[in-house]
Amino acid sequence: MFRNIVSVGLILIVAMSMFWGCGGPKQTEKELFEIAEKAQQANSPLEAIKAYRTLMEEYPSSENCPKAQFMIGYVYAEQYNDTIKALEAFDKFAKDYPNNELAPSADFMAKSLRGEVQDPLTTDK
């Protein structure tokens, strides 16, 4: 009896993974962005990054790609505390989207991570 239940469970898992992983319904751009934002709120930085990257791969001409690239850098910097990967993401942003409205913010973040910007709250005037 237990073997039958386990077997049926395994079959269902395999069938579901085949459906969702191979030719199942593709997530929309909006859904991927929402998944990333919710993962950030849930303090799941790697899941957020994965969703942002998936959005950029599946919708390369999306108007949300620059924001997704920026957010990858932000998540690496602020939630995952990985300065190297954050800098790589912000440098990619600067290269791929130099005229985007987020370019000054990406530049500021990169300079801050490199120690090129002083915190105005701690700097003597």
PDB file of N, CA and C in Angstrom:
ATOM      1  N   MET A   1       0.829  -1.191   0.000  1.00  0.00           N
ATOM      2  CA  MET A   1       0.000   0.000   0.000  1.00  0.00           C
ATOM      3  C   MET A   1       0.874   1.256   0.000  1.00  0.00           C
ATOM      4  N   PHE A   2       1.855   1.301   0.910  1.00  0.00           N
ATOM      5  CA  PHE A   2       2.746   2.457   1.006  1.00  0.00           C
ATOM      6  C   PHE A   2       3.531   2.643  -0.287  1.00  0.00           C
ATOM      7  N   ARG A   3       4.002   1.512  -0.874  1.00  0.00           N
ATOM      8  CA  ARG A   3       4.739   1.584  -2.137  1.00  0.00           C
ATOM      9  C   ARG A   3       3.876   2.165  -3.249  1.00  0.00           C
ATOM     10  N   ASN A   4       2.619   1.784  -3.279  1.00  0.00           N
ATOM     11  CA  ASN A   4       1.711   2.303  -4.306  1.00  0.00           C
ATOM     12  C   ASN A   4       1.531   3.807  -4.173  1.00  0.00           C
ATOM     13  N   ILE A   5       1.377   4.273  -2.957  1.00  0.00           N
ATOM     14  CA  ILE A   5       1.211   5.705  -2.719  1.00  0.00           C
ATOM     15  C   ILE A   5       2.477   6.451  -3.143  1.00  0.00           C
ATOM     16  N   VAL A   6       3.633   5.939  -2.768  1.00  0.00           N
ATOM     17  CA  VAL A   6       4.904   6.560  -3.138  1.00  0.00           C
ATOM     18  C   VAL A   6       5.065   6.553  -4.653  1.00  0.00           C
ATOM     19  N   SER A   7       4.752   5.437  -5.284  1.00  0.00           N
ATOM     20  CA  SER A   7       4.870   5.338  -6.740  1.00  0.00           C
ATOM     21  C   SER A   7       3.972   6.345  -7.442  1.00  0.00           C
ATOM     22  N   VAL A   8       2.737   6.453  -6.999  1.00  0.00           N
ATOM     23  CA  VAL A   8       1.803   7.401  -7.599  1.00  0.00           C
ATOM     24  C   VAL A   8       2.312   8.827  -7.380  1.00  0.00           C
ATOM     25  N   GLY A   9       2.815   9.103  -6.193  1.00  0.00           N
ATOM     26  CA  GLY A   9       3.362  10.427  -5.895  1.00  0.00           C
ATOM     27  C   GLY A   9       4.533  10.764  -6.795  1.00  0.00           C
ATOM     28  N   LEU A  10       5.442   9.820  -6.984  1.00  0.00           N
ATOM     29  CA  LEU A  10       6.590  10.054  -7.858  1.00  0.00           C
ATOM     30  C   LEU A  10       6.168  10.279  -9.300  1.00  0.00           C
ATOM     31  N   ILE A  11       5.195   9.499  -9.748  1.00  0.00           N
ATOM     32  CA  ILE A  11       4.695   9.667 -11.111  1.00  0.00           C
ATOM     33  C   ILE A  11       4.092  11.054 -11.283  1.00  0.00           C
ATOM     34  N   LEU A  12       3.323  11.508 -10.308  1.00  0.00           N
ATOM     35  CA  LEU A  12       2.730  12.837 -10.391  1.00  0.00           C
ATOM     36  C   LEU A  12       3.802  13.928 -10.419  1.00  0.00           C
ATOM     37  N   ILE A  13       4.830  13.777  -9.592  1.00  0.00           N
ATOM     38  CA  ILE A  13       5.918  14.764  -9.557  1.00  0.00           C
ATOM     39  C   ILE A  13       6.635  14.812 -10.897  1.00  0.00           C
ATOM     40  N   VAL A  14       6.950  13.666 -11.451  1.00  0.00           N
ATOM     41  CA  VAL A  14       7.628  13.622 -12.751  1.00  0.00           C
ATOM     42  C   VAL A  14       6.736  14.217 -13.833  1.00  0.00           C
ATOM     43  N   ALA A  15       5.468  13.869 -13.835  1.00  0.00           N
ATOM     44  CA  ALA A  15       4.546  14.389 -14.846  1.00  0.00           C
ATOM     45  C   ALA A  15       4.414  15.904 -14.735  1.00  0.00           C
ATOM     46  N   MET A  16       4.305  16.416 -13.521  1.00  0.00           N
ATOM     47  CA  MET A  16       4.185  17.860 -13.329  1.00  0.00           C
ATOM     48  C   MET A  16       5.454  18.570 -13.755  1.00  0.00           C
ATOM     49  N   SER A  17       6.616  18.012 -13.423  1.00  0.00           N
ATOM     50  CA  SER A  17       7.863  18.666 -13.805  1.00  0.00           C
ATOM     51  C   SER A  17       8.041  18.646 -15.317  1.00  0.00           C
ATOM     52  N   MET A  18       7.589  17.597 -15.978  1.00  0.00           N
ATOM     53  CA  MET A  18       7.671  17.542 -17.438  1.00  0.00           C
ATOM     54  C   MET A  18       6.751  18.588 -18.048  1.00  0.00           C
ATOM     55  N   PHE A  19       5.565  18.732 -17.500  1.00  0.00           N
ATOM     56  CA  PHE A  19       4.611  19.703 -18.030  1.00  0.00           C
ATOM     57  C   PHE A  19       5.105  21.121 -17.829  1.00  0.00           C
ATOM     58  N   TRP A  20       5.536  21.456 -16.616  1.00  0.00           N
ATOM     59  CA  TRP A  20       5.962  22.826 -16.326  1.00  0.00           C
ATOM     60  C   TRP A  20       7.347  23.128 -16.871  1.00  0.00           C
ATOM     61  N   GLY A  21       8.211  22.139 -16.949  1.00  0.00           N
ATOM     62  CA  GLY A  21       9.574  22.388 -17.383  1.00  0.00           C
ATOM     63  C   GLY A  21       9.777  22.276 -18.873  1.00  0.00           C
ATOM     64  N   CYS A  22       8.942  21.542 -19.549  1.00  0.00           N
ATOM     65  CA  CYS A  22       9.148  21.312 -20.979  1.00  0.00           C
ATOM     66  C   CYS A  22       7.879  21.626 -21.742  1.00  0.00           C
ATOM     67  N   GLY A  23       7.760  22.821 -22.191  1.00  0.00           N
ATOM     68  CA  GLY A  23       6.639  23.174 -23.031  1.00  0.00           C
ATOM     69  C   GLY A  23       5.375  23.549 -22.295  1.00  0.00           C
ATOM     70  N   GLY A  24       5.430  23.642 -20.986  1.00  0.00           N
ATOM     71  CA  GLY A  24       4.269  24.088 -20.239  1.00  0.00           C
ATOM     72  C   GLY A  24       4.060  25.574 -20.455  1.00  0.00           C
ATOM     73  N   PRO A  25       3.066  26.128 -19.817  1.00  0.00           N
ATOM     74  CA  PRO A  25       2.811  27.549 -19.996  1.00  0.00           C
ATOM     75  C   PRO A  25       4.017  28.394 -19.557  1.00  0.00           C
ATOM     76  N   LYS A  26       4.400  29.302 -20.419  1.00  0.00           N
ATOM     77  CA  LYS A  26       5.519  30.197 -20.139  1.00  0.00           C
ATOM     78  C   LYS A  26       5.011  31.339 -19.249  1.00  0.00           C
ATOM     79  N   GLN A  27       5.826  31.696 -18.268  1.00  0.00           N
ATOM     80  CA  GLN A  27       5.439  32.799 -17.391  1.00  0.00           C
ATOM     81  C   GLN A  27       5.554  34.107 -18.153  1.00  0.00           C
ATOM     82  N   THR A  28       4.625  34.985 -17.894  1.00  0.00           N
ATOM     83  CA  THR A  28       4.661  36.279 -18.561  1.00  0.00           C
ATOM     84  C   THR A  28       5.750  37.147 -17.935  1.00  0.00           C
ATOM     85  N   GLU A  29       6.072  38.178 -18.659  1.00  0.00           N
ATOM     86  CA  GLU A  29       7.053  39.151 -18.184  1.00  0.00           C
ATOM     87  C   GLU A  29       6.609  39.739 -16.837  1.00  0.00           C
ATOM     88  N   LYS A  30       5.355  40.093 -16.765  1.00  0.00           N
ATOM     89  CA  LYS A  30       4.802  40.675 -15.530  1.00  0.00           C
ATOM     90  C   LYS A  30       4.898  39.680 -14.371  1.00  0.00           C
ATOM     91  N   GLU A  31       4.563  38.422 -14.632  1.00  0.00           N
ATOM     92  CA  GLU A  31       4.630  37.394 -13.587  1.00  0.00           C
ATOM     93  C   GLU A  31       6.067  37.225 -13.074  1.00  0.00           C
ATOM     94  N   LEU A  32       7.033  37.209 -13.995  1.00  0.00           N
ATOM     95  CA  LEU A  32       8.428  37.054 -13.588  1.00  0.00           C
ATOM     96  C   LEU A  32       8.886  38.227 -12.730  1.00  0.00           C
ATOM     97  N   PHE A  33       8.477  39.430 -13.112  1.00  0.00           N
ATOM     98  CA  PHE A  33       8.852  40.605 -12.330  1.00  0.00           C
ATOM     99  C   PHE A  33       8.224  40.542 -10.938  1.00  0.00           C
ATOM    100  N   GLU A  34       6.977  40.125 -10.864  1.00  0.00           N
ATOM    101  CA  GLU A  34       6.293  39.998  -9.575  1.00  0.00           C
ATOM    102  C   GLU A  34       6.945  38.916  -8.712  1.00  0.00           C
ATOM    103  N   ILE A  35       7.340  37.811  -9.329  1.00  0.00           N
ATOM    104  CA  ILE A  35       8.027  36.741  -8.590  1.00  0.00           C
ATOM    105  C   ILE A  35       9.316  37.284  -7.992  1.00  0.00           C
ATOM    106  N   ALA A  36      10.058  38.045  -8.790  1.00  0.00           N
ATOM    107  CA  ALA A  36      11.327  38.614  -8.309  1.00  0.00           C
ATOM    108  C   ALA A  36      11.089  39.569  -7.149  1.00  0.00           C
ATOM    109  N   GLU A  37      10.103  40.438  -7.288  1.00  0.00           N
ATOM    110  CA  GLU A  37       9.824  41.403  -6.218  1.00  0.00           C
ATOM    111  C   GLU A  37       9.373  40.705  -4.938  1.00  0.00           C
ATOM    112  N   LYS A  38       8.528  39.693  -5.072  1.00  0.00           N
ATOM    113  CA  LYS A  38       8.068  38.953  -3.892  1.00  0.00           C
ATOM    114  C   LYS A  38       9.220  38.195  -3.238  1.00  0.00           C
ATOM    115  N   ALA A  39      10.126  37.657  -4.047  1.00  0.00           N
ATOM    116  CA  ALA A  39      11.292  36.965  -3.492  1.00  0.00           C
ATOM    117  C   ALA A  39      12.170  37.936  -2.713  1.00  0.00           C
ATOM    118  N   GLN A  40      12.305  39.153  -3.228  1.00  0.00           N
ATOM    119  CA  GLN A  40      13.070  40.165  -2.491  1.00  0.00           C
ATOM    120  C   GLN A  40      12.411  40.458  -1.149  1.00  0.00           C
ATOM    121  N   GLN A  41      11.113  40.648  -1.169  1.00  0.00           N
ATOM    122  CA  GLN A  41      10.376  40.950   0.064  1.00  0.00           C
ATOM    123  C   GLN A  41      10.465  39.803   1.061  1.00  0.00           C
ATOM    124  N   ALA A  42      10.559  38.589   0.558  1.00  0.00           N
ATOM    125  CA  ALA A  42      10.648  37.403   1.415  1.00  0.00           C
ATOM    126  C   ALA A  42      12.093  37.100   1.806  1.00  0.00           C
ATOM    127  N   ASN A  43      12.999  38.020   1.462  1.00  0.00           N
ATOM    128  CA  ASN A  43      14.427  37.858   1.751  1.00  0.00           C
ATOM    129  C   ASN A  43      14.983  36.573   1.136  1.00  0.00           C
ATOM    130  N   SER A  44      14.628  36.361  -0.134  1.00  0.00           N
ATOM    131  CA  SER A  44      15.144  35.239  -0.918  1.00  0.00           C
ATOM    132  C   SER A  44      15.888  35.812  -2.124  1.00  0.00           C
ATOM    133  N   PRO A  45      17.081  36.368  -1.875  1.00  0.00           N
ATOM    134  CA  PRO A  45      17.778  37.094  -2.945  1.00  0.00           C
ATOM    135  C   PRO A  45      18.120  36.259  -4.165  1.00  0.00           C
ATOM    136  N   LEU A  46      18.513  35.020  -3.980  1.00  0.00           N
ATOM    137  CA  LEU A  46      18.876  34.212  -5.144  1.00  0.00           C
ATOM    138  C   LEU A  46      17.669  33.897  -6.016  1.00  0.00           C
ATOM    139  N   GLU A  47      16.512  33.713  -5.404  1.00  0.00           N
ATOM    140  CA  GLU A  47      15.291  33.491  -6.183  1.00  0.00           C
ATOM    141  C   GLU A  47      14.914  34.754  -6.948  1.00  0.00           C
ATOM    142  N   ALA A  48      15.111  35.909  -6.318  1.00  0.00           N
ATOM    143  CA  ALA A  48      14.832  37.177  -7.002  1.00  0.00           C
ATOM    144  C   ALA A  48      15.739  37.334  -8.218  1.00  0.00           C
ATOM    145  N   ILE A  49      17.019  37.095  -8.030  1.00  0.00           N
ATOM    146  CA  ILE A  49      17.982  37.213  -9.119  1.00  0.00           C
ATOM    147  C   ILE A  49      17.633  36.255 -10.245  1.00  0.00           C
ATOM    148  N   LYS A  50      17.277  35.037  -9.886  1.00  0.00           N
ATOM    149  CA  LYS A  50      16.910  34.037 -10.896  1.00  0.00           C
ATOM    150  C   LYS A  50      15.712  34.514 -11.710  1.00  0.00           C
ATOM    151  N   ALA A  51      14.712  35.081 -11.067  1.00  0.00           N
ATOM    152  CA  ALA A  51      13.524  35.553 -11.778  1.00  0.00           C
ATOM    153  C   ALA A  51      13.863  36.744 -12.683  1.00  0.00           C
ATOM    154  N   TYR A  52      14.696  37.666 -12.186  1.00  0.00           N
ATOM    155  CA  TYR A  52      15.109  38.803 -13.023  1.00  0.00           C
ATOM    156  C   TYR A  52      15.889  38.312 -14.248  1.00  0.00           C
ATOM    157  N   ARG A  53      16.774  37.366 -14.048  1.00  0.00           N
ATOM    158  CA  ARG A  53      17.550  36.838 -15.182  1.00  0.00           C
ATOM    159  C   ARG A  53      16.663  36.115 -16.181  1.00  0.00           C
ATOM    160  N   THR A  54      15.710  35.348 -15.676  1.00  0.00           N
ATOM    161  CA  THR A  54      14.790  34.642 -16.564  1.00  0.00           C
ATOM    162  C   THR A  54      13.992  35.640 -17.398  1.00  0.00           C
ATOM    163  N   LEU A  55      13.533  36.714 -16.762  1.00  0.00           N
ATOM    164  CA  LEU A  55      12.810  37.755 -17.485  1.00  0.00           C
ATOM    165  C   LEU A  55      13.673  38.298 -18.618  1.00  0.00           C
ATOM    166  N   MET A  56      14.935  38.590 -18.336  1.00  0.00           N
ATOM    167  CA  MET A  56      15.830  39.160 -19.345  1.00  0.00           C
ATOM    168  C   MET A  56      16.129  38.169 -20.466  1.00  0.00           C
ATOM    169  N   GLU A  57      16.218  36.886 -20.131  1.00  0.00           N
ATOM    170  CA  GLU A  57      16.498  35.867 -21.148  1.00  0.00           C
ATOM    171  C   GLU A  57      15.284  35.603 -22.034  1.00  0.00           C
ATOM    172  N   GLU A  58      14.115  35.545 -21.421  1.00  0.00           N
ATOM    173  CA  GLU A  58      12.913  35.195 -22.179  1.00  0.00           C
ATOM    174  C   GLU A  58      12.278  36.392 -22.883  1.00  0.00           C
ATOM    175  N   TYR A  59      12.546  37.603 -22.389  1.00  0.00           N
ATOM    176  CA  TYR A  59      11.981  38.819 -22.965  1.00  0.00           C
ATOM    177  C   TYR A  59      13.089  39.859 -23.155  1.00  0.00           C
ATOM    178  N   PRO A  60      14.065  39.574 -24.013  1.00  0.00           N
ATOM    179  CA  PRO A  60      15.241  40.449 -24.141  1.00  0.00           C
ATOM    180  C   PRO A  60      14.946  41.865 -24.632  1.00  0.00           C
ATOM    181  N   SER A  61      13.829  42.072 -25.291  1.00  0.00           N
ATOM    182  CA  SER A  61      13.509  43.421 -25.766  1.00  0.00           C
ATOM    183  C   SER A  61      12.514  44.136 -24.854  1.00  0.00           C
ATOM    184  N   SER A  62      12.260  43.569 -23.694  1.00  0.00           N
ATOM    185  CA  SER A  62      11.315  44.149 -22.750  1.00  0.00           C
ATOM    186  C   SER A  62      11.814  45.480 -22.201  1.00  0.00           C
ATOM    187  N   GLU A  63      10.887  46.378 -21.986  1.00  0.00           N
ATOM    188  CA  GLU A  63      11.247  47.652 -21.355  1.00  0.00           C
ATOM    189  C   GLU A  63      11.638  47.456 -19.890  1.00  0.00           C
ATOM    190  N   ASN A  64      11.356  46.283 -19.328  1.00  0.00           N
ATOM    191  CA  ASN A  64      11.731  45.993 -17.940  1.00  0.00           C
ATOM    192  C   ASN A  64      13.138  45.425 -17.799  1.00  0.00           C
ATOM    193  N   CYS A  65      13.812  45.122 -18.902  1.00  0.00           N
ATOM    194  CA  CYS A  65      15.167  44.559 -18.810  1.00  0.00           C
ATOM    195  C   CYS A  65      16.148  45.491 -18.085  1.00  0.00           C
ATOM    196  N   PRO A  66      16.155  46.789 -18.378  1.00  0.00           N
ATOM    197  CA  PRO A  66      17.087  47.644 -17.629  1.00  0.00           C
ATOM    198  C   PRO A  66      16.824  47.618 -16.123  1.00  0.00           C
ATOM    199  N   LYS A  67      15.565  47.684 -15.740  1.00  0.00           N
ATOM    200  CA  LYS A  67      15.248  47.654 -14.306  1.00  0.00           C
ATOM    201  C   LYS A  67      15.637  46.304 -13.703  1.00  0.00           C
ATOM    202  N   ALA A  68      15.400  45.227 -14.446  1.00  0.00           N
ATOM    203  CA  ALA A  68      15.775  43.899 -13.952  1.00  0.00           C
ATOM    204  C   ALA A  68      17.283  43.812 -13.750  1.00  0.00           C
ATOM    205  N   GLN A  69      18.059  44.336 -14.708  1.00  0.00           N
ATOM    206  CA  GLN A  69      19.519  44.317 -14.581  1.00  0.00           C
ATOM    207  C   GLN A  69      19.965  45.160 -13.382  1.00  0.00           C
ATOM    208  N   PHE A  70      19.356  46.322 -13.215  1.00  0.00           N
ATOM    209  CA  PHE A  70      19.673  47.163 -12.058  1.00  0.00           C
ATOM    210  C   PHE A  70      19.359  46.416 -10.762  1.00  0.00           C
ATOM    211  N   MET A  71      18.195  45.786 -10.719  1.00  0.00           N
ATOM    212  CA  MET A  71      17.775  45.103  -9.495  1.00  0.00           C
ATOM    213  C   MET A  71      18.668  43.911  -9.176  1.00  0.00           C
ATOM    214  N   ILE A  72      19.230  43.265 -10.190  1.00  0.00           N
ATOM    215  CA  ILE A  72      20.180  42.183  -9.930  1.00  0.00           C
ATOM    216  C   ILE A  72      21.370  42.741  -9.139  1.00  0.00           C
ATOM    217  N   GLY A  73      21.895  43.874  -9.604  1.00  0.00           N
ATOM    218  CA  GLY A  73      22.995  44.511  -8.871  1.00  0.00           C
ATOM    219  C   GLY A  73      22.590  44.922  -7.473  1.00  0.00           C
ATOM    220  N   TYR A  74      21.409  45.501  -7.367  1.00  0.00           N
ATOM    221  CA  TYR A  74      20.913  45.951  -6.065  1.00  0.00           C
ATOM    222  C   TYR A  74      20.759  44.782  -5.087  1.00  0.00           C
ATOM    223  N   VAL A  75      20.166  43.704  -5.560  1.00  0.00           N
ATOM    224  CA  VAL A  75      19.954  42.535  -4.695  1.00  0.00           C
ATOM    225  C   VAL A  75      21.296  41.946  -4.259  1.00  0.00           C
ATOM    226  N   TYR A  76      22.241  41.825  -5.203  1.00  0.00           N
ATOM    227  CA  TYR A  76      23.561  41.325  -4.823  1.00  0.00           C
ATOM    228  C   TYR A  76      24.209  42.231  -3.784  1.00  0.00           C
ATOM    229  N   ALA A  77      24.057  43.535  -3.939  1.00  0.00           N
ATOM    230  CA  ALA A  77      24.689  44.481  -3.020  1.00  0.00           C
ATOM    231  C   ALA A  77      23.999  44.531  -1.665  1.00  0.00           C
ATOM    232  N   GLU A  78      22.695  44.675  -1.681  1.00  0.00           N
ATOM    233  CA  GLU A  78      21.967  44.973  -0.447  1.00  0.00           C
ATOM    234  C   GLU A  78      21.435  43.752   0.301  1.00  0.00           C
ATOM    235  N   GLN A  79      21.092  42.700  -0.412  1.00  0.00           N
ATOM    236  CA  GLN A  79      20.504  41.544   0.258  1.00  0.00           C
ATOM    237  C   GLN A  79      21.476  40.374   0.358  1.00  0.00           C
ATOM    238  N   TYR A  80      22.281  40.193  -0.669  1.00  0.00           N
ATOM    239  CA  TYR A  80      23.182  39.039  -0.679  1.00  0.00           C
ATOM    240  C   TYR A  80      24.582  39.405  -0.210  1.00  0.00           C
ATOM    241  N   ASN A  81      24.866  40.717  -0.127  1.00  0.00           N
ATOM    242  CA  ASN A  81      26.162  41.224   0.334  1.00  0.00           C
ATOM    243  C   ASN A  81      27.334  40.668  -0.475  1.00  0.00           C
ATOM    244  N   ASP A  82      27.145  40.577  -1.786  1.00  0.00           N
ATOM    245  CA  ASP A  82      28.197  40.110  -2.679  1.00  0.00           C
ATOM    246  C   ASP A  82      28.631  41.287  -3.555  1.00  0.00           C
ATOM    247  N   THR A  83      29.653  41.998  -3.100  1.00  0.00           N
ATOM    248  CA  THR A  83      30.115  43.204  -3.781  1.00  0.00           C
ATOM    249  C   THR A  83      30.605  42.913  -5.192  1.00  0.00           C
ATOM    250  N   ILE A  84      31.326  41.835  -5.366  1.00  0.00           N
ATOM    251  CA  ILE A  84      31.883  41.519  -6.684  1.00  0.00           C
ATOM    252  C   ILE A  84      30.773  41.300  -7.708  1.00  0.00           C
ATOM    253  N   LYS A  85      29.792  40.485  -7.364  1.00  0.00           N
ATOM    254  CA  LYS A  85      28.702  40.217  -8.304  1.00  0.00           C
ATOM    255  C   LYS A  85      27.829  41.456  -8.497  1.00  0.00           C
ATOM    256  N   ALA A  86      27.680  42.253  -7.450  1.00  0.00           N
ATOM    257  CA  ALA A  86      26.926  43.502  -7.586  1.00  0.00           C
ATOM    258  C   ALA A  86      27.625  44.429  -8.573  1.00  0.00           C
ATOM    259  N   LEU A  87      28.937  44.566  -8.438  1.00  0.00           N
ATOM    260  CA  LEU A  87      29.693  45.413  -9.358  1.00  0.00           C
ATOM    261  C   LEU A  87      29.606  44.892 -10.788  1.00  0.00           C
ATOM    262  N   GLU A  88      29.684  43.585 -10.957  1.00  0.00           N
ATOM    263  CA  GLU A  88      29.537  43.007 -12.301  1.00  0.00           C
ATOM    264  C   GLU A  88      28.179  43.372 -12.894  1.00  0.00           C
ATOM    265  N   ALA A  89      27.137  43.292 -12.077  1.00  0.00           N
ATOM    266  CA  ALA A  89      25.787  43.607 -12.565  1.00  0.00           C
ATOM    267  C   ALA A  89      25.661  45.090 -12.906  1.00  0.00           C
ATOM    268  N   PHE A  90      26.203  45.970 -12.061  1.00  0.00           N
ATOM    269  CA  PHE A  90      26.119  47.401 -12.350  1.00  0.00           C
ATOM    270  C   PHE A  90      26.991  47.782 -13.544  1.00  0.00           C
ATOM    271  N   ASP A  91      28.136  47.131 -13.698  1.00  0.00           N
ATOM    272  CA  ASP A  91      28.977  47.384 -14.874  1.00  0.00           C
ATOM    273  C   ASP A  91      28.266  46.928 -16.154  1.00  0.00           C
ATOM    274  N   LYS A  92      27.575  45.796 -16.081  1.00  0.00           N
ATOM    275  CA  LYS A  92      26.804  45.323 -17.243  1.00  0.00           C
ATOM    276  C   LYS A  92      25.683  46.305 -17.549  1.00  0.00           C
ATOM    277  N   PHE A  93      25.064  46.829 -16.508  1.00  0.00           N
ATOM    278  CA  PHE A  93      24.014  47.823 -16.712  1.00  0.00           C
ATOM    279  C   PHE A  93      24.584  49.036 -17.456  1.00  0.00           C
ATOM    280  N   ALA A  94      25.732  49.530 -16.989  1.00  0.00           N
ATOM    281  CA  ALA A  94      26.353  50.707 -17.614  1.00  0.00           C
ATOM    282  C   ALA A  94      26.678  50.447 -19.074  1.00  0.00           C
ATOM    283  N   LYS A  95      27.118  49.248 -19.373  1.00  0.00           N
ATOM    284  CA  LYS A  95      27.479  48.888 -20.755  1.00  0.00           C
ATOM    285  C   LYS A  95      26.244  48.741 -21.634  1.00  0.00           C
ATOM    286  N   ASP A  96      25.221  48.053 -21.124  1.00  0.00           N
ATOM    287  CA  ASP A  96      24.041  47.732 -21.929  1.00  0.00           C
ATOM    288  C   ASP A  96      22.995  48.848 -21.987  1.00  0.00           C
ATOM    289  N   TYR A  97      22.918  49.665 -20.936  1.00  0.00           N
ATOM    290  CA  TYR A  97      21.858  50.680 -20.846  1.00  0.00           C
ATOM    291  C   TYR A  97      22.414  52.040 -20.406  1.00  0.00           C
ATOM    292  N   PRO A  98      23.415  52.585 -21.113  1.00  0.00           N
ATOM    293  CA  PRO A  98      24.066  53.813 -20.657  1.00  0.00           C
ATOM    294  C   PRO A  98      23.156  55.035 -20.615  1.00  0.00           C
ATOM    295  N   ASN A  99      22.088  55.041 -21.391  1.00  0.00           N
ATOM    296  CA  ASN A  99      21.202  56.203 -21.440  1.00  0.00           C
ATOM    297  C   ASN A  99      19.890  56.004 -20.692  1.00  0.00           C
ATOM    298  N   ASN A 100      19.773  54.903 -19.981  1.00  0.00           N
ATOM    299  CA  ASN A 100      18.551  54.619 -19.244  1.00  0.00           C
ATOM    300  C   ASN A 100      18.433  55.555 -18.046  1.00  0.00           C
ATOM    301  N   GLU A 101      17.203  55.809 -17.629  1.00  0.00           N
ATOM    302  CA  GLU A 101      16.970  56.705 -16.490  1.00  0.00           C
ATOM    303  C   GLU A 101      17.594  56.189 -15.193  1.00  0.00           C
ATOM    304  N   LEU A 102      17.867  54.898 -15.100  1.00  0.00           N
ATOM    305  CA  LEU A 102      18.497  54.337 -13.901  1.00  0.00           C
ATOM    306  C   LEU A 102      20.023  54.387 -13.958  1.00  0.00           C
ATOM    307  N   ALA A 103      20.585  54.839 -15.076  1.00  0.00           N
ATOM    308  CA  ALA A 103      22.045  54.863 -15.231  1.00  0.00           C
ATOM    309  C   ALA A 103      22.743  55.662 -14.125  1.00  0.00           C
ATOM    310  N   PRO A 104      22.263  56.851 -13.753  1.00  0.00           N
ATOM    311  CA  PRO A 104      22.929  57.570 -12.658  1.00  0.00           C
ATOM    312  C   PRO A 104      22.887  56.795 -11.327  1.00  0.00           C
ATOM    313  N   SER A 105      21.783  56.119 -11.074  1.00  0.00           N
ATOM    314  CA  SER A 105      21.677  55.327  -9.836  1.00  0.00           C
ATOM    315  C   SER A 105      22.614  54.128  -9.873  1.00  0.00           C
ATOM    316  N   ALA A 106      22.704  53.476 -11.028  1.00  0.00           N
ATOM    317  CA  ALA A 106      23.622  52.339 -11.158  1.00  0.00           C
ATOM    318  C   ALA A 106      25.058  52.796 -10.987  1.00  0.00           C
ATOM    319  N   ASP A 107      25.387  53.949 -11.562  1.00  0.00           N
ATOM    320  CA  ASP A 107      26.728  54.510 -11.426  1.00  0.00           C
ATOM    321  C   ASP A 107      27.026  54.843  -9.965  1.00  0.00           C
ATOM    322  N   PHE A 108      26.066  55.447  -9.284  1.00  0.00           N
ATOM    323  CA  PHE A 108      26.236  55.773  -7.868  1.00  0.00           C
ATOM    324  C   PHE A 108      26.449  54.515  -7.031  1.00  0.00           C
ATOM    325  N   MET A 109      25.645  53.491  -7.292  1.00  0.00           N
ATOM    326  CA  MET A 109      25.777  52.233  -6.546  1.00  0.00           C
ATOM    327  C   MET A 109      27.158  51.627  -6.765  1.00  0.00           C
ATOM    328  N   ALA A 110      27.613  51.597  -8.021  1.00  0.00           N
ATOM    329  CA  ALA A 110      28.927  51.023  -8.331  1.00  0.00           C
ATOM    330  C   ALA A 110      30.028  51.818  -7.640  1.00  0.00           C
ATOM    331  N   LYS A 111      29.959  53.139  -7.721  1.00  0.00           N
ATOM    332  CA  LYS A 111      30.976  53.974  -7.062  1.00  0.00           C
ATOM    333  C   LYS A 111      30.949  53.790  -5.549  1.00  0.00           C
ATOM    334  N   SER A 112      29.774  53.663  -4.988  1.00  0.00           N
ATOM    335  CA  SER A 112      29.655  53.431  -3.537  1.00  0.00           C
ATOM    336  C   SER A 112      30.296  52.108  -3.138  1.00  0.00           C
ATOM    337  N   LEU A 113      30.040  51.078  -3.929  1.00  0.00           N
ATOM    338  CA  LEU A 113      30.604  49.766  -3.633  1.00  0.00           C
ATOM    339  C   LEU A 113      32.126  49.768  -3.767  1.00  0.00           C
ATOM    340  N   ARG A 114      32.634  50.593  -4.660  1.00  0.00           N
ATOM    341  CA  ARG A 114      34.092  50.703  -4.844  1.00  0.00           C
ATOM    342  C   ARG A 114      34.731  51.640  -3.818  1.00  0.00           C
ATOM    343  N   GLY A 115      33.918  52.301  -3.003  1.00  0.00           N
ATOM    344  CA  GLY A 115      34.436  53.232  -2.017  1.00  0.00           C
ATOM    345  C   GLY A 115      34.803  54.581  -2.605  1.00  0.00           C
ATOM    346  N   GLU A 116      34.239  54.903  -3.753  1.00  0.00           N
ATOM    347  CA  GLU A 116      34.550  56.161  -4.427  1.00  0.00           C
ATOM    348  C   GLU A 116      33.599  57.292  -4.045  1.00  0.00           C
ATOM    349  N   VAL A 117      32.591  56.980  -3.240  1.00  0.00           N
ATOM    350  CA  VAL A 117      31.612  57.978  -2.820  1.00  0.00           C
ATOM    351  C   VAL A 117      31.603  58.002  -1.297  1.00  0.00           C
ATOM    352  N   GLN A 118      31.691  59.199  -0.752  1.00  0.00           N
ATOM    353  CA  GLN A 118      31.631  59.333   0.697  1.00  0.00           C
ATOM    354  C   GLN A 118      30.186  59.527   1.122  1.00  0.00           C
ATOM    355  N   ASP A 119      29.852  58.941   2.249  1.00  0.00           N
ATOM    356  CA  ASP A 119      28.522  59.087   2.815  1.00  0.00           C
ATOM    357  C   ASP A 119      28.374  60.508   3.339  1.00  0.00           C
ATOM    358  N   PRO A 120      27.420  61.283   2.826  1.00  0.00           N
ATOM    359  CA  PRO A 120      27.280  62.677   3.274  1.00  0.00           C
ATOM    360  C   PRO A 120      26.934  62.792   4.752  1.00  0.00           C
ATOM    361  N   LEU A 121      26.395  61.748   5.336  1.00  0.00           N
ATOM    362  CA  LEU A 121      26.044  61.809   6.767  1.00  0.00           C
ATOM    363  C   LEU A 121      27.247  61.635   7.675  1.00  0.00           C
ATOM    364  N   THR A 122      28.329  61.044   7.135  1.00  0.00           N
ATOM    365  CA  THR A 122      29.503  60.821   7.961  1.00  0.00           C
ATOM    366  C   THR A 122      30.683  61.713   7.584  1.00  0.00           C
ATOM    367  N   THR A 123      30.483  62.519   6.550  1.00  0.00           N
ATOM    368  CA  THR A 123      31.554  63.386   6.089  1.00  0.00           C
ATOM    369  C   THR A 123      31.472  64.728   6.804  1.00  0.00           C
ATOM    370  N   ASP A 124      32.619  65.200   7.310  1.00  0.00           N
ATOM    371  CA  ASP A 124      32.664  66.520   7.943  1.00  0.00           C
ATOM    372  C   ASP A 124      32.460  67.592   6.894  1.00  0.00           C
ATOM    373  N   LYS A 125      31.722  68.616   7.262  1.00  0.00           N
ATOM    374  CA  LYS A 125      31.468  69.709   6.311  1.00  0.00           C
ATOM    375  C   LYS A 125      32.390  70.872   6.575  1.00  0.00           C
TER     376      LYS A 125
END
